[in-house]
């Protein structure tokens, strides 16, 4: 979600030769990140190198490289003698991600699209209209694919440093959404911002882009809150005041 490029692409190899070690490591990193974002590895779970090897067909070296990368990028933390603990989804994390997006997505207000991007956005707008209210699983998947492509086009118009930061925030949002959705009960997040966002981007109307993105973030926050209120999970130490104190202590150690 939110990433226009497949996380499973490997660097090309020539002449049918076996992939280089660097390519294997990169594949492992991308595959494990994809598994985390889409909750194949559930938030809060602990993963060992052996688990990664068995589940994703990786060599030990590739599994180690992939898990280390998850740790480096903040998606997991090493646990002595037990493996790597995947970053749990908490209320504090949700709030931090949404607050960061409110700051970072201001960069989208000034996007200038090339002709090819403008043409593609117009084509996507025409495709999204009949898909918007379709309840079938295939229609929902197609709708989300095209929505992600819209975000990818906007991301491609940013400078690479801003785009990298914003992509990670969108990855976090995708994981939170996936974790909190309940398909069995029909509790899915459905984006409604696309028509206004596309019109604003084509018109290069910064204020309208900002309004569309702000409305999206507000809608996601409301959905996350509703889903949390449906949860039967008990509050644990680390909630409320204790959580803020612990986070403040962590921030002091990092500075």
Protein backbone atom coordinates (compact mmCIF):
# COMPACT_ATOMS: atom_id res chain seq x y z
CA UNK A 1 0.00 0.00 0.00
CA UNK A 2 1.17 3.52 -0.86
CA UNK A 3 4.19 2.20 -2.78
CA UNK A 4 4.06 2.33 -6.58
CA UNK A 5 6.86 -0.18 -7.00
CA UNK A 6 6.68 -3.85 -6.14
CA UNK A 7 8.68 -4.73 -3.02
CA UNK A 8 9.49 -8.09 -4.58
CA UNK A 9 11.58 -6.84 -7.50
CA UNK A 10 15.15 -8.12 -7.48
CA UNK A 11 18.16 -6.57 -9.17
CA UNK A 12 18.58 -8.09 -12.61
CA UNK A 13 20.99 -10.95 -13.18
CA UNK A 14 22.64 -11.74 -16.45
CA UNK A 15 22.87 -14.92 -18.47
CA UNK A 16 20.84 -17.06 -16.09
CA UNK A 17 23.51 -16.76 -13.42
CA UNK A 18 22.60 -17.19 -9.78
CA UNK A 19 21.70 -13.95 -8.01
CA UNK A 20 24.63 -12.18 -6.38
CA UNK A 21 24.74 -12.15 -2.57
CA UNK A 22 23.78 -8.47 -2.62
CA UNK A 23 20.69 -9.28 -4.68
CA UNK A 24 19.68 -12.06 -2.30
CA UNK A 25 20.08 -9.76 0.69
CA UNK A 26 18.04 -7.03 -0.99
CA UNK A 27 15.31 -9.51 -1.87
CA UNK A 28 15.21 -10.67 1.75
CA UNK A 29 14.99 -7.10 3.02
CA UNK A 30 12.15 -6.26 0.65
CA UNK A 31 10.29 -9.52 1.30
CA UNK A 32 10.42 -9.17 5.07
CA UNK A 33 9.39 -5.51 4.92
CA UNK A 34 6.46 -6.51 2.73
CA UNK A 35 5.52 -9.20 5.26
CA UNK A 36 5.61 -6.67 8.10
CA UNK A 37 3.57 -4.03 6.25
CA UNK A 38 0.88 -6.53 5.25
CA UNK A 39 0.86 -8.17 8.71
CA UNK A 40 1.98 -11.57 7.45
CA UNK A 41 4.21 -11.14 10.48
CA UNK A 42 1.84 -9.78 13.11
CA UNK A 43 2.76 -6.65 15.07
CA UNK A 44 4.38 -7.56 18.37
CA UNK A 45 5.41 -11.04 17.25
CA UNK A 46 8.96 -12.29 17.65
CA UNK A 47 10.71 -13.68 14.56
CA UNK A 48 13.90 -15.73 14.48
CA UNK A 49 16.25 -16.31 11.58
CA UNK A 50 14.93 -19.87 11.39
CA UNK A 51 11.34 -18.58 11.18
CA UNK A 52 12.25 -16.25 8.33
CA UNK A 53 14.07 -19.04 6.51
CA UNK A 54 11.13 -21.44 6.80
CA UNK A 55 8.33 -19.00 6.00
CA UNK A 56 9.94 -17.06 3.18
CA UNK A 57 12.44 -19.49 1.68
CA UNK A 58 15.51 -17.45 2.60
CA UNK A 59 19.05 -18.53 3.29
CA UNK A 60 20.35 -17.92 6.79
CA UNK A 61 22.56 -15.06 5.61
CA UNK A 62 19.67 -13.45 3.73
CA UNK A 63 17.32 -13.87 6.70
CA UNK A 64 19.89 -12.29 8.99
CA UNK A 65 20.37 -9.38 6.59
CA UNK A 66 16.62 -8.86 6.23
CA UNK A 67 15.94 -8.90 9.96
CA UNK A 68 18.88 -6.61 10.63
CA UNK A 69 17.50 -4.16 8.08
CA UNK A 70 14.10 -4.23 9.77
CA UNK A 71 15.86 -3.36 13.01
CA UNK A 72 17.89 -0.58 11.39
CA UNK A 73 14.74 0.99 9.94
CA UNK A 74 12.82 0.77 13.21
CA UNK A 75 10.40 -2.01 12.25
CA UNK A 76 11.82 -4.49 14.77
CA UNK A 77 14.01 -4.62 17.86
CA UNK A 78 16.47 -7.39 18.78
CA UNK A 79 15.53 -9.55 21.76
CA UNK A 80 18.32 -11.42 23.56
CA UNK A 81 18.22 -15.14 22.73
CA UNK A 82 14.70 -14.96 21.25
CA UNK A 83 14.97 -13.14 17.90
CA UNK A 84 13.52 -9.88 16.62
CA UNK A 85 10.32 -8.36 17.99
CA UNK A 86 8.20 -6.67 15.33
CA UNK A 87 7.12 -3.15 16.24
CA UNK A 88 3.69 -3.41 17.91
CA UNK A 89 0.78 -1.22 16.87
CA UNK A 90 -0.11 1.08 19.76
CA UNK A 91 -2.20 4.18 20.19
CA UNK A 92 0.98 6.20 20.62
CA UNK A 93 2.41 4.87 17.34
CA UNK A 94 -0.82 5.69 15.50
CA UNK A 95 -0.81 9.23 16.87
CA UNK A 96 2.86 9.77 16.05
CA UNK A 97 2.45 8.53 12.47
CA UNK A 98 -0.60 10.69 11.79
CA UNK A 99 1.01 13.76 13.37
CA UNK A 100 4.14 13.25 11.29
CA UNK A 101 2.07 12.93 8.13
CA UNK A 102 0.30 16.20 8.86
CA UNK A 103 3.70 17.85 8.80
CA UNK A 104 5.35 15.91 5.97
CA UNK A 105 2.46 15.87 3.51
CA UNK A 106 2.57 19.64 3.20
CA UNK A 107 5.30 18.94 0.63
CA UNK A 108 2.61 17.55 -1.69
CA UNK A 109 1.02 20.99 -1.97
CA UNK A 110 3.66 22.12 -4.44
CA UNK A 111 3.87 19.08 -6.72
CA UNK A 112 4.35 19.80 -10.43
CA UNK A 113 3.38 16.87 -12.63
CA UNK A 114 4.91 15.93 -15.95
CA UNK A 115 2.63 15.38 -18.93
CA UNK A 116 2.84 11.58 -18.63
CA UNK A 117 1.82 11.73 -14.97
CA UNK A 118 -1.08 14.06 -15.74
CA UNK A 119 -2.32 11.72 -18.45
CA UNK A 120 -2.12 8.72 -16.13
CA UNK A 121 -3.99 10.54 -13.36
CA UNK A 122 -6.79 11.41 -15.77
CA UNK A 123 -7.03 7.78 -16.87
CA UNK A 124 -7.11 6.57 -13.26
CA UNK A 125 -9.88 9.04 -12.43
CA UNK A 126 -12.04 7.50 -15.16
CA UNK A 127 -11.36 3.97 -13.86
CA UNK A 128 -12.06 4.81 -10.21
CA UNK A 129 -15.56 6.17 -10.80
CA UNK A 130 -17.28 2.81 -11.51
CA UNK A 131 -15.22 1.05 -8.82
CA UNK A 132 -15.96 3.48 -6.02
CA UNK A 133 -19.04 1.86 -4.47
CA UNK A 134 -18.55 -1.73 -5.58
CA UNK A 135 -18.55 -4.13 -2.58
CA UNK A 136 -16.93 -7.13 -4.29
CA UNK A 137 -13.49 -8.13 -3.03
CA UNK A 138 -12.00 -7.87 -6.52
CA UNK A 139 -13.41 -4.37 -7.01
CA UNK A 140 -12.08 -3.25 -3.63
CA UNK A 141 -8.62 -4.63 -4.47
CA UNK A 142 -8.63 -2.87 -7.85
CA UNK A 143 -9.82 0.38 -6.28
CA UNK A 144 -7.00 0.27 -3.74
CA UNK A 145 -4.46 -0.54 -6.43
CA UNK A 146 -5.38 2.55 -8.42
CA UNK A 147 -5.53 4.72 -5.30
CA UNK A 148 -2.03 3.58 -4.41
CA UNK A 149 -0.91 4.48 -7.90
CA UNK A 150 -2.29 8.00 -7.45
CA UNK A 151 -0.22 8.34 -4.29
CA UNK A 152 2.78 6.89 -6.11
CA UNK A 153 2.51 9.48 -8.88
CA UNK A 154 2.43 12.28 -6.33
CA UNK A 155 5.35 10.73 -4.47
CA UNK A 156 7.35 10.57 -7.69
CA UNK A 157 7.00 14.34 -8.10
CA UNK A 158 8.78 15.04 -4.80
CA UNK A 159 12.49 15.24 -4.21
CA UNK A 160 13.86 11.81 -3.25
CA UNK A 161 14.68 12.67 0.36
CA UNK A 162 11.18 13.92 1.14
CA UNK A 163 9.67 11.04 -0.84
CA UNK A 164 11.64 8.45 1.15
CA UNK A 165 10.46 9.89 4.46
CA UNK A 166 6.85 10.14 3.33
CA UNK A 167 6.88 6.64 1.84
CA UNK A 168 7.89 5.22 5.22
CA UNK A 169 5.04 7.07 6.94
CA UNK A 170 2.63 5.67 4.36
CA UNK A 171 4.03 2.19 4.96
CA UNK A 172 3.30 2.62 8.66
CA UNK A 173 -0.22 3.79 7.85
CA UNK A 174 -0.77 0.80 5.58
CA UNK A 175 0.33 -1.59 8.33
CA UNK A 176 -1.90 0.06 10.93
CA UNK A 177 -4.85 -0.06 8.53
CA UNK A 178 -4.27 -3.70 7.68
CA UNK A 179 -3.94 -4.60 11.36
CA UNK A 180 -7.13 -2.82 12.45
CA UNK A 181 -9.40 -3.75 9.55
CA UNK A 182 -11.91 -6.55 10.14
CA UNK A 183 -12.98 -7.99 6.76
CA UNK A 184 -15.22 -10.61 8.40
CA UNK A 185 -17.42 -7.87 9.87
CA UNK A 186 -17.03 -5.61 6.85
CA UNK A 187 -15.01 -3.03 8.76
CA UNK A 188 -12.69 -1.84 6.01
CA UNK A 189 -11.25 1.61 5.44
CA UNK A 190 -12.50 3.05 2.16
CA UNK A 191 -10.85 6.15 0.80
CA UNK A 192 -13.12 8.86 -0.58
CA UNK A 193 -10.51 11.53 -1.23
CA UNK A 194 -9.41 10.39 -4.69
CA UNK A 195 -11.65 12.53 -6.94
CA UNK A 196 -10.84 15.76 -5.10
CA UNK A 197 -7.17 14.85 -4.82
CA UNK A 198 -6.82 14.08 -8.52
CA UNK A 199 -8.63 17.27 -9.55
CA UNK A 200 -6.44 19.30 -7.22
CA UNK A 201 -3.23 17.69 -8.45
CA UNK A 202 -4.14 18.22 -12.11
CA UNK A 203 -4.97 21.86 -11.38
CA UNK A 204 -1.81 22.23 -9.27
CA UNK A 205 -4.04 23.72 -6.56
CA UNK A 206 -1.94 23.49 -3.42
CA UNK A 207 -4.74 24.49 -1.06
CA UNK A 208 -7.07 21.84 -2.48
CA UNK A 209 -4.35 19.18 -2.30
CA UNK A 210 -3.77 20.10 1.33
CA UNK A 211 -7.50 19.92 2.08
CA UNK A 212 -7.81 16.49 0.43
CA UNK A 213 -4.84 15.06 2.31
CA UNK A 214 -5.96 16.58 5.62
CA UNK A 215 -9.43 15.08 5.18
CA UNK A 216 -7.83 11.70 4.43
CA UNK A 217 -5.71 11.78 7.59
CA UNK A 218 -8.73 12.83 9.66
CA UNK A 219 -10.80 9.99 8.18
CA UNK A 220 -8.05 7.47 8.89
CA UNK A 221 -7.74 8.70 12.46
CA UNK A 222 -11.50 8.33 12.95
CA UNK A 223 -11.44 4.81 11.50
CA UNK A 224 -8.51 3.76 13.69
CA UNK A 225 -10.28 5.10 16.78
CA UNK A 226 -13.51 3.26 15.93
CA UNK A 227 -11.61 0.02 15.47
CA UNK A 228 -9.75 0.48 18.74
CA UNK A 229 -13.09 0.99 20.48
CA UNK A 230 -14.25 -2.36 19.07
CA UNK A 231 -11.18 -4.09 20.50
CA UNK A 232 -11.50 -6.39 23.52
CA UNK A 233 -7.78 -6.20 24.27
CA UNK A 234 -7.09 -4.94 27.81
CA UNK A 235 -4.99 -1.87 28.39
CA UNK A 236 -1.54 -2.81 29.61
CA UNK A 237 1.28 -1.05 31.44
CA UNK A 238 2.66 1.41 28.95
CA UNK A 239 -0.74 2.97 28.28
CA UNK A 240 -1.59 6.47 29.40
CA UNK A 241 0.80 8.27 31.71
CA UNK A 242 3.25 5.37 31.97
CA UNK A 243 3.56 5.22 28.20
CA UNK A 244 4.28 8.93 27.93
CA UNK A 245 6.92 8.71 30.66
CA UNK A 246 8.61 5.74 28.97
CA UNK A 247 8.53 7.45 25.58
CA UNK A 248 10.02 10.61 27.03
CA UNK A 249 12.82 8.56 28.59
CA UNK A 250 13.49 6.86 25.26
CA UNK A 251 13.60 10.21 23.49
CA UNK A 252 16.13 11.52 26.00
CA UNK A 253 18.37 8.49 25.47
CA UNK A 254 18.25 8.99 21.68
CA UNK A 255 19.36 12.63 21.86
